[in-house]
Amino acid sequence: MSPVPPLDLHTVILIAAAGLFAGTQNALAGGGSFITFPALLLVGLNPLAANMTSTIAMFPSQATSAIAGRKLVEDVGPLTFRQMFAISVVGGILGAILLRITPPTFFERLVPWLVLFATSMFAWGAFRKQPLHAAGSMPRWALVLTQGAISLYGGYFGGGIGFLMLAALTIAGQQIRAATATKNMLAMAMNAAATLIFAFSDLISWPAALALCAGGIGGGLLGSWLIYRLPPRAMRIFVVCVGAVLTIYMFWR
């Protein structure tokens, strides 16, 4: 199978619709990659190409959300925000490079486990009781290692990084609002690094990426309108169901 099969107009429209749904999902509850990744698999991209294309496509809408909440960003325990940002960029670069040199056949065998891990992290983060106050603090070395590992994983695959970071940041002492804004900026940093590296890959399906990007931006606007009209819990349940079905399918295939 070609990593980047040709796409007809009908398929591009369907991909844009998936992007619209994913953008809406991200605005309401998170987990948009659980929509974009399987959508790209269904139109014929192999898992490696689908992962790279999805990362590039959803970056603009992610960056917009991160920048919008930048005033709430704070330092994290013993590390300044700039230090955390630098760690995220380095980790994102290393993860993206690791993905670029991963053989497609190996990545296909690894994907079911990555999806299972991401689904588990999403379910844990979506339904756990959110802390109202800071949980405590982390030593500098522990915070560096934790954010470095999350960033490496984020550059490589990325599913569930939002909830991993939110947990780490609240444990490190941030209040939930600041942790959410800081998490968005750090996720943007690691995905920006990955996007720059993936952009030079011949595995990217640019028609699919542009369609997802357009749909994602529209979905972000729609999600902002729907955020007070739809129950986020229902959206989270839907994402967990999609992740569970995708996990079963990836192991079965």
C-alpha atoms as a PDB file:
ATOM      1  CA  MET A   1       0.000   0.000   0.000  1.00  0.00           C
ATOM      2  CA  SER A   2       1.289   3.443  -0.877  1.00  0.00           C
ATOM      3  CA  PRO A   3       1.843   5.563   2.264  1.00  0.00           C
ATOM      4  CA  VAL A   4       0.116   8.513   0.602  1.00  0.00           C
ATOM      5  CA  PRO A   5      -2.661   7.255  -1.696  1.00  0.00           C
ATOM      6  CA  PRO A   6      -4.362   9.712  -4.044  1.00  0.00           C
ATOM      7  CA  LEU A   7      -7.531  11.236  -2.621  1.00  0.00           C
ATOM      8  CA  ASP A   8     -10.610  12.159  -4.612  1.00  0.00           C
ATOM      9  CA  LEU A   9     -12.815  15.156  -3.777  1.00  0.00           C
ATOM     10  CA  HIS A  10     -15.406  13.032  -1.987  1.00  0.00           C
ATOM     11  CA  THR A  11     -12.738  11.592   0.328  1.00  0.00           C
ATOM     12  CA  VAL A  12     -11.261  15.029   1.024  1.00  0.00           C
ATOM     13  CA  ILE A  13     -14.724  16.289   2.045  1.00  0.00           C
ATOM     14  CA  LEU A  14     -15.144  13.340   4.411  1.00  0.00           C
ATOM     15  CA  ILE A  15     -11.717  14.053   5.933  1.00  0.00           C
ATOM     16  CA  ALA A  16     -12.693  17.701   6.419  1.00  0.00           C
ATOM     17  CA  ALA A  17     -15.831  16.507   8.214  1.00  0.00           C
ATOM     18  CA  ALA A  18     -13.647  14.378  10.490  1.00  0.00           C
ATOM     19  CA  GLY A  19     -11.524  17.466  11.165  1.00  0.00           C
ATOM     20  CA  LEU A  20     -14.660  19.446  12.010  1.00  0.00           C
ATOM     21  CA  PHE A  21     -15.685  16.778  14.499  1.00  0.00           C
ATOM     22  CA  ALA A  22     -12.171  16.558  15.961  1.00  0.00           C
ATOM     23  CA  GLY A  23     -11.893  20.327  16.363  1.00  0.00           C
ATOM     24  CA  THR A  24     -15.253  20.415  18.108  1.00  0.00           C
ATOM     25  CA  GLN A  25     -14.229  17.509  20.315  1.00  0.00           C
ATOM     26  CA  ASN A  26     -10.978  19.231  21.291  1.00  0.00           C
ATOM     27  CA  ALA A  27     -12.840  22.383  22.276  1.00  0.00           C
ATOM     28  CA  LEU A  28     -15.391  20.493  24.361  1.00  0.00           C
ATOM     29  CA  ALA A  29     -13.468  17.666  25.975  1.00  0.00           C
ATOM     30  CA  GLY A  30     -10.168  16.921  24.220  1.00  0.00           C
ATOM     31  CA  GLY A  31      -9.175  13.774  22.363  1.00  0.00           C
ATOM     32  CA  GLY A  32      -9.528  14.980  18.765  1.00  0.00           C
ATOM     33  CA  SER A  33      -6.708  12.693  17.627  1.00  0.00           C
ATOM     34  CA  PHE A  34      -8.989   9.745  18.368  1.00  0.00           C
ATOM     35  CA  ILE A  35     -11.092  10.998  15.453  1.00  0.00           C
ATOM     36  CA  THR A  36      -8.420  12.160  12.995  1.00  0.00           C
ATOM     37  CA  PHE A  37      -6.103   9.156  13.322  1.00  0.00           C
ATOM     38  CA  PRO A  38      -8.690   6.445  12.512  1.00  0.00           C
ATOM     39  CA  ALA A  39     -10.222   8.658   9.802  1.00  0.00           C
ATOM     40  CA  LEU A  40      -6.875   8.796   8.009  1.00  0.00           C
ATOM     41  CA  LEU A  41      -6.434   5.047   8.404  1.00  0.00           C
ATOM     42  CA  LEU A  42      -9.843   4.480   6.839  1.00  0.00           C
ATOM     43  CA  VAL A  43      -8.971   6.501   3.719  1.00  0.00           C
ATOM     44  CA  GLY A  44      -5.887   4.400   3.091  1.00  0.00           C
ATOM     45  CA  LEU A  45      -2.923   5.993   4.901  1.00  0.00           C
ATOM     46  CA  ASN A  46      -0.650   3.637   6.791  1.00  0.00           C
ATOM     47  CA  PRO A  47      -0.364   4.259  10.589  1.00  0.00           C
ATOM     48  CA  LEU A  48       2.939   6.131  10.312  1.00  0.00           C
ATOM     49  CA  ALA A  49       1.643   8.479   7.606  1.00  0.00           C
ATOM     50  CA  ALA A  50      -1.662   8.934   9.461  1.00  0.00           C
ATOM     51  CA  ASN A  51       0.104   9.895  12.691  1.00  0.00           C
ATOM     52  CA  MET A  52       2.357  12.472  11.014  1.00  0.00           C
ATOM     53  CA  THR A  53      -0.439  13.928   8.893  1.00  0.00           C
ATOM     54  CA  SER A  54      -2.774  14.224  11.879  1.00  0.00           C
ATOM     55  CA  THR A  55      -0.104  16.022  13.955  1.00  0.00           C
ATOM     56  CA  ILE A  56       0.531  18.601  11.242  1.00  0.00           C
ATOM     57  CA  ALA A  57      -3.150  19.113  10.438  1.00  0.00           C
ATOM     58  CA  MET A  58      -4.349  19.811  13.974  1.00  0.00           C
ATOM     59  CA  PHE A  59      -1.440  22.034  15.000  1.00  0.00           C
ATOM     60  CA  PRO A  60      -2.926  25.405  13.844  1.00  0.00           C
ATOM     61  CA  SER A  61      -6.128  25.020  15.870  1.00  0.00           C
ATOM     62  CA  GLN A  62      -4.097  23.789  18.855  1.00  0.00           C
ATOM     63  CA  ALA A  63      -1.778  26.784  18.638  1.00  0.00           C
ATOM     64  CA  THR A  64      -4.741  29.157  18.521  1.00  0.00           C
ATOM     65  CA  SER A  65      -6.203  27.693  21.723  1.00  0.00           C
ATOM     66  CA  ALA A  66      -2.822  27.800  23.479  1.00  0.00           C
ATOM     67  CA  ILE A  67      -2.088  31.418  22.584  1.00  0.00           C
ATOM     68  CA  ALA A  68      -5.585  32.481  23.626  1.00  0.00           C
ATOM     69  CA  GLY A  69      -4.908  31.317  27.199  1.00  0.00           C
ATOM     70  CA  ARG A  70      -1.290  32.473  27.471  1.00  0.00           C
ATOM     71  CA  LYS A  71      -2.025  35.045  30.197  1.00  0.00           C
ATOM     72  CA  LEU A  72      -2.838  32.241  32.653  1.00  0.00           C
ATOM     73  CA  VAL A  73       0.510  30.483  32.130  1.00  0.00           C
ATOM     74  CA  GLU A  74       2.736  30.250  35.234  1.00  0.00           C
ATOM     75  CA  ASP A  75       6.075  28.836  36.307  1.00  0.00           C
ATOM     76  CA  VAL A  76       6.028  25.210  37.441  1.00  0.00           C
ATOM     77  CA  GLY A  77       7.443  24.581  40.901  1.00  0.00           C
ATOM     78  CA  PRO A  78      11.247  24.870  40.760  1.00  0.00           C
ATOM     79  CA  LEU A  79      11.290  25.426  36.974  1.00  0.00           C
ATOM     80  CA  THR A  80      10.351  28.572  35.071  1.00  0.00           C
ATOM     81  CA  PHE A  81       7.873  28.343  32.229  1.00  0.00           C
ATOM     82  CA  ARG A  82      10.684  29.071  29.760  1.00  0.00           C
ATOM     83  CA  GLN A  83      12.624  26.082  31.069  1.00  0.00           C
ATOM     84  CA  MET A  84       9.560  23.858  30.755  1.00  0.00           C
ATOM     85  CA  PHE A  85       8.984  25.222  27.251  1.00  0.00           C
ATOM     86  CA  ALA A  86      12.580  24.386  26.265  1.00  0.00           C
ATOM     87  CA  ILE A  87      12.257  20.857  27.657  1.00  0.00           C
ATOM     88  CA  SER A  88       9.052  20.392  25.649  1.00  0.00           C
ATOM     89  CA  VAL A  89      10.671  21.583  22.415  1.00  0.00           C
ATOM     90  CA  VAL A  90      13.691  19.293  22.863  1.00  0.00           C
ATOM     91  CA  GLY A  91      11.500  16.333  23.783  1.00  0.00           C
ATOM     92  CA  GLY A  92       9.185  16.992  20.829  1.00  0.00           C
ATOM     93  CA  ILE A  93      12.154  17.118  18.444  1.00  0.00           C
ATOM     94  CA  LEU A  94      13.646  13.876  19.776  1.00  0.00           C
ATOM     95  CA  GLY A  95      10.277  12.112  19.649  1.00  0.00           C
ATOM     96  CA  ALA A  96       9.649  13.271  16.088  1.00  0.00           C
ATOM     97  CA  ILE A  97      13.129  12.181  14.969  1.00  0.00           C
ATOM     98  CA  LEU A  98      12.573   8.810  16.616  1.00  0.00           C
ATOM     99  CA  LEU A  99       9.303   8.454  14.721  1.00  0.00           C
ATOM    100  CA  ARG A 100      10.949   9.437  11.429  1.00  0.00           C
ATOM    101  CA  ILE A 101      13.534   6.663  11.761  1.00  0.00           C
ATOM    102  CA  THR A 102      11.005   4.068  12.957  1.00  0.00           C
ATOM    103  CA  PRO A 103      10.338   1.450  10.231  1.00  0.00           C
ATOM    104  CA  PRO A 104       6.656   1.560   9.167  1.00  0.00           C
ATOM    105  CA  THR A 105       6.256  -2.176   9.856  1.00  0.00           C
ATOM    106  CA  PHE A 106       7.525  -1.779  13.420  1.00  0.00           C
ATOM    107  CA  PHE A 107       5.290   1.235  14.009  1.00  0.00           C
ATOM    108  CA  GLU A 108       2.265  -0.730  12.779  1.00  0.00           C
ATOM    109  CA  ARG A 109       2.972  -3.398  15.408  1.00  0.00           C
ATOM    110  CA  LEU A 110       3.482  -0.721  18.070  1.00  0.00           C
ATOM    111  CA  VAL A 111       0.365   1.342  17.282  1.00  0.00           C
ATOM    112  CA  PRO A 112      -2.174  -0.938  19.065  1.00  0.00           C
ATOM    113  CA  TRP A 113      -0.208  -0.559  22.304  1.00  0.00           C
ATOM    114  CA  LEU A 114       0.127   3.210  21.821  1.00  0.00           C
ATOM    115  CA  VAL A 115      -3.620   3.538  21.202  1.00  0.00           C
ATOM    116  CA  LEU A 116      -4.376   1.371  24.243  1.00  0.00           C
ATOM    117  CA  PHE A 117      -2.110   3.560  26.403  1.00  0.00           C
ATOM    118  CA  ALA A 118      -3.582   6.782  24.988  1.00  0.00           C
ATOM    119  CA  THR A 119      -7.152   5.578  25.512  1.00  0.00           C
ATOM    120  CA  SER A 120      -6.361   4.578  29.088  1.00  0.00           C
ATOM    121  CA  MET A 121      -4.789   7.974  29.796  1.00  0.00           C
ATOM    122  CA  PHE A 122      -7.762   9.786  28.260  1.00  0.00           C
ATOM    123  CA  ALA A 123     -10.262   7.744  30.274  1.00  0.00           C
ATOM    124  CA  TRP A 124      -8.282   8.278  33.486  1.00  0.00           C
ATOM    125  CA  GLY A 125      -7.878  12.006  32.910  1.00  0.00           C
ATOM    126  CA  ALA A 126     -11.418  12.601  31.679  1.00  0.00           C
ATOM    127  CA  PHE A 127     -13.214  10.951  34.567  1.00  0.00           C
ATOM    128  CA  ARG A 128     -10.879  11.417  37.523  1.00  0.00           C
ATOM    129  CA  LYS A 129     -11.852  13.987  40.119  1.00  0.00           C
ATOM    130  CA  GLN A 130     -10.155  17.240  39.196  1.00  0.00           C
ATOM    131  CA  PRO A 131      -8.196  18.846  42.061  1.00  0.00           C
ATOM    132  CA  LEU A 132      -9.418  22.236  43.221  1.00  0.00           C
ATOM    133  CA  HIS A 133      -6.106  23.137  44.775  1.00  0.00           C
ATOM    134  CA  ALA A 134      -2.461  22.475  44.126  1.00  0.00           C
ATOM    135  CA  ALA A 135      -1.417  18.991  45.185  1.00  0.00           C
ATOM    136  CA  GLY A 136       2.114  19.780  46.319  1.00  0.00           C
ATOM    137  CA  SER A 137       5.477  19.988  44.600  1.00  0.00           C
ATOM    138  CA  MET A 138       8.050  17.908  42.695  1.00  0.00           C
ATOM    139  CA  PRO A 139      11.849  18.017  42.907  1.00  0.00           C
ATOM    140  CA  ARG A 140      13.560  19.729  39.991  1.00  0.00           C
ATOM    141  CA  TRP A 141      15.068  16.479  38.656  1.00  0.00           C
ATOM    142  CA  ALA A 142      11.709  14.676  38.823  1.00  0.00           C
ATOM    143  CA  LEU A 143       9.938  17.491  37.002  1.00  0.00           C
ATOM    144  CA  VAL A 144      12.606  17.585  34.271  1.00  0.00           C
ATOM    145  CA  LEU A 145      12.421  13.816  33.766  1.00  0.00           C
ATOM    146  CA  THR A 146       8.618  13.770  33.806  1.00  0.00           C
ATOM    147  CA  GLN A 147       8.177  16.587  31.304  1.00  0.00           C
ATOM    148  CA  GLY A 148      11.009  15.222  29.175  1.00  0.00           C
ATOM    149  CA  ALA A 149       9.383  11.791  28.982  1.00  0.00           C
ATOM    150  CA  ILE A 150       5.948  13.281  28.212  1.00  0.00           C
ATOM    151  CA  SER A 151       7.449  15.499  25.498  1.00  0.00           C
ATOM    152  CA  LEU A 152       9.318  12.573  23.930  1.00  0.00           C
ATOM    153  CA  TYR A 153       6.091  10.584  23.837  1.00  0.00           C
ATOM    154  CA  GLY A 154       4.233  13.636  22.529  1.00  0.00           C
ATOM    155  CA  GLY A 155       6.593  14.050  19.598  1.00  0.00           C
ATOM    156  CA  TYR A 156       6.396  10.339  18.832  1.00  0.00           C
ATOM    157  CA  PHE A 157       2.647   9.695  19.101  1.00  0.00           C
ATOM    158  CA  GLY A 158       0.935  12.204  21.348  1.00  0.00           C
ATOM    159  CA  GLY A 159      -2.315  10.561  22.370  1.00  0.00           C
ATOM    160  CA  GLY A 160      -3.147  11.365  26.012  1.00  0.00           C
ATOM    161  CA  ILE A 161      -0.363  13.934  26.528  1.00  0.00           C
ATOM    162  CA  GLY A 162      -2.819  16.569  27.698  1.00  0.00           C
ATOM    163  CA  PHE A 163      -3.976  14.481  30.635  1.00  0.00           C
ATOM    164  CA  LEU A 164      -0.453  13.311  31.454  1.00  0.00           C
ATOM    165  CA  MET A 165       0.742  16.916  31.630  1.00  0.00           C
ATOM    166  CA  LEU A 166      -2.303  18.124  33.536  1.00  0.00           C
ATOM    167  CA  ALA A 167      -1.670  15.495  36.203  1.00  0.00           C
ATOM    168  CA  ALA A 168       2.051  16.303  36.376  1.00  0.00           C
ATOM    169  CA  LEU A 169       1.505  20.063  36.568  1.00  0.00           C
ATOM    170  CA  THR A 170      -1.052  19.849  39.360  1.00  0.00           C
ATOM    171  CA  ILE A 171       1.216  17.484  41.304  1.00  0.00           C
ATOM    172  CA  ALA A 172       4.030  20.008  40.782  1.00  0.00           C
ATOM    173  CA  GLY A 173       1.928  22.667  42.508  1.00  0.00           C
ATOM    174  CA  GLN A 174      -0.051  24.532  39.846  1.00  0.00           C
ATOM    175  CA  GLN A 175      -3.699  25.434  40.288  1.00  0.00           C
ATOM    176  CA  ILE A 176      -6.012  23.765  37.797  1.00  0.00           C
ATOM    177  CA  ARG A 177      -6.647  26.862  35.639  1.00  0.00           C
ATOM    178  CA  ALA A 178      -2.961  27.689  35.373  1.00  0.00           C
ATOM    179  CA  ALA A 179      -2.149  24.033  34.748  1.00  0.00           C
ATOM    180  CA  THR A 180      -4.621  23.884  31.870  1.00  0.00           C
ATOM    181  CA  ALA A 181      -3.178  26.991  30.199  1.00  0.00           C
ATOM    182  CA  THR A 182       0.415  25.865  30.799  1.00  0.00           C
ATOM    183  CA  LYS A 183      -0.396  22.394  29.465  1.00  0.00           C
ATOM    184  CA  ASN A 184      -1.784  23.899  26.251  1.00  0.00           C
ATOM    185  CA  MET A 185       1.337  26.001  25.683  1.00  0.00           C
ATOM    186  CA  LEU A 186       3.713  23.117  26.377  1.00  0.00           C
ATOM    187  CA  ALA A 187       1.743  20.801  24.094  1.00  0.00           C
ATOM    188  CA  MET A 188       1.940  23.454  21.381  1.00  0.00           C
ATOM    189  CA  ALA A 189       5.724  23.627  21.868  1.00  0.00           C
ATOM    190  CA  MET A 190       6.325  19.911  21.453  1.00  0.00           C
ATOM    191  CA  ASN A 191       3.923  19.617  18.532  1.00  0.00           C
ATOM    192  CA  ALA A 192       5.445  22.654  16.810  1.00  0.00           C
ATOM    193  CA  ALA A 193       8.825  20.927  16.939  1.00  0.00           C
ATOM    194  CA  ALA A 194       7.318  17.686  15.636  1.00  0.00           C
ATOM    195  CA  THR A 195       5.422  19.511  12.899  1.00  0.00           C
ATOM    196  CA  LEU A 196       8.585  21.180  11.573  1.00  0.00           C
ATOM    197  CA  ILE A 197      10.288  17.788  11.318  1.00  0.00           C
ATOM    198  CA  PHE A 198       7.297  15.932   9.873  1.00  0.00           C
ATOM    199  CA  ALA A 199       6.762  18.635   7.234  1.00  0.00           C
ATOM    200  CA  PHE A 200       9.805  17.372   5.336  1.00  0.00           C
ATOM    201  CA  SER A 201       8.591  13.772   5.242  1.00  0.00           C
ATOM    202  CA  ASP A 202       7.313  12.252   2.006  1.00  0.00           C
ATOM    203  CA  LEU A 203       4.738  10.378   4.100  1.00  0.00           C
ATOM    204  CA  ILE A 204       2.556  13.459   4.592  1.00  0.00           C
ATOM    205  CA  SER A 205      -0.708  13.527   2.666  1.00  0.00           C
ATOM    206  CA  TRP A 206      -1.031  17.278   2.153  1.00  0.00           C
ATOM    207  CA  PRO A 207      -4.590  17.202   0.714  1.00  0.00           C
ATOM    208  CA  ALA A 208      -5.686  15.284   3.809  1.00  0.00           C
ATOM    209  CA  ALA A 209      -3.720  17.584   6.120  1.00  0.00           C
ATOM    210  CA  LEU A 210      -5.240  20.728   4.617  1.00  0.00           C
ATOM    211  CA  ALA A 211      -8.746  19.248   4.765  1.00  0.00           C
ATOM    212  CA  LEU A 212      -8.288  18.252   8.412  1.00  0.00           C
ATOM    213  CA  CYS A 213      -6.820  21.654   9.236  1.00  0.00           C
ATOM    214  CA  ALA A 214      -9.748  23.530   7.705  1.00  0.00           C
ATOM    215  CA  GLY A 215     -12.238  21.270   9.415  1.00  0.00           C
ATOM    216  CA  GLY A 216     -10.364  21.550  12.723  1.00  0.00           C
ATOM    217  CA  ILE A 217     -10.461  25.351  12.687  1.00  0.00           C
ATOM    218  CA  GLY A 218     -14.181  25.289  11.933  1.00  0.00           C
ATOM    219  CA  GLY A 219     -14.686  22.706  14.669  1.00  0.00           C
ATOM    220  CA  GLY A 220     -12.861  24.874  17.170  1.00  0.00           C
ATOM    221  CA  LEU A 221     -15.269  27.717  16.449  1.00  0.00           C
ATOM    222  CA  LEU A 222     -18.259  25.375  16.605  1.00  0.00           C
ATOM    223  CA  GLY A 223     -17.015  23.880  19.856  1.00  0.00           C
ATOM    224  CA  SER A 224     -16.721  27.328  21.399  1.00  0.00           C
ATOM    225  CA  TRP A 225     -20.403  27.862  20.570  1.00  0.00           C
ATOM    226  CA  LEU A 226     -21.484  24.423  21.778  1.00  0.00           C
ATOM    227  CA  ILE A 227     -19.451  24.398  24.982  1.00  0.00           C
ATOM    228  CA  TYR A 228     -22.399  25.640  27.036  1.00  0.00           C
ATOM    229  CA  ARG A 229     -24.952  23.564  25.128  1.00  0.00           C
ATOM    230  CA  LEU A 230     -23.581  19.993  25.153  1.00  0.00           C
ATOM    231  CA  PRO A 231     -22.559  17.917  28.180  1.00  0.00           C
ATOM    232  CA  PRO A 232     -18.755  17.407  28.102  1.00  0.00           C
ATOM    233  CA  ARG A 233     -19.167  14.067  29.894  1.00  0.00           C
ATOM    234  CA  ALA A 234     -21.093  12.657  26.921  1.00  0.00           C
ATOM    235  CA  MET A 235     -18.314  13.772  24.574  1.00  0.00           C
ATOM    236  CA  ARG A 236     -15.683  12.159  26.802  1.00  0.00           C
ATOM    237  CA  ILE A 237     -17.614   8.892  26.870  1.00  0.00           C
ATOM    238  CA  PHE A 238     -17.805   8.976  23.082  1.00  0.00           C
ATOM    239  CA  VAL A 239     -14.036   9.477  22.765  1.00  0.00           C
ATOM    240  CA  VAL A 240     -13.306   6.600  25.150  1.00  0.00           C
ATOM    241  CA  CYS A 241     -15.633   4.371  23.098  1.00  0.00           C
ATOM    242  CA  VAL A 242     -13.879   5.390  19.872  1.00  0.00           C
ATOM    243  CA  GLY A 243     -10.501   4.692  21.455  1.00  0.00           C
ATOM    244  CA  ALA A 244     -11.644   1.289  22.724  1.00  0.00           C
ATOM    245  CA  VAL A 245     -13.007   0.277  19.317  1.00  0.00           C
ATOM    246  CA  LEU A 246      -9.847   1.527  17.599  1.00  0.00           C
ATOM    247  CA  THR A 247      -7.661  -0.408  20.063  1.00  0.00           C
ATOM    248  CA  ILE A 248      -9.568  -3.634  19.412  1.00  0.00           C
ATOM    249  CA  TYR A 249      -9.438  -3.059  15.659  1.00  0.00           C
ATOM    250  CA  MET A 250      -5.671  -2.340  15.651  1.00  0.00           C
ATOM    251  CA  PHE A 251      -4.944  -5.522  17.646  1.00  0.00           C
ATOM    252  CA  TRP A 252      -7.318  -7.570  15.446  1.00  0.00           C
ATOM    253  CA  ARG A 253      -5.907  -6.389  12.117  1.00  0.00           C
END
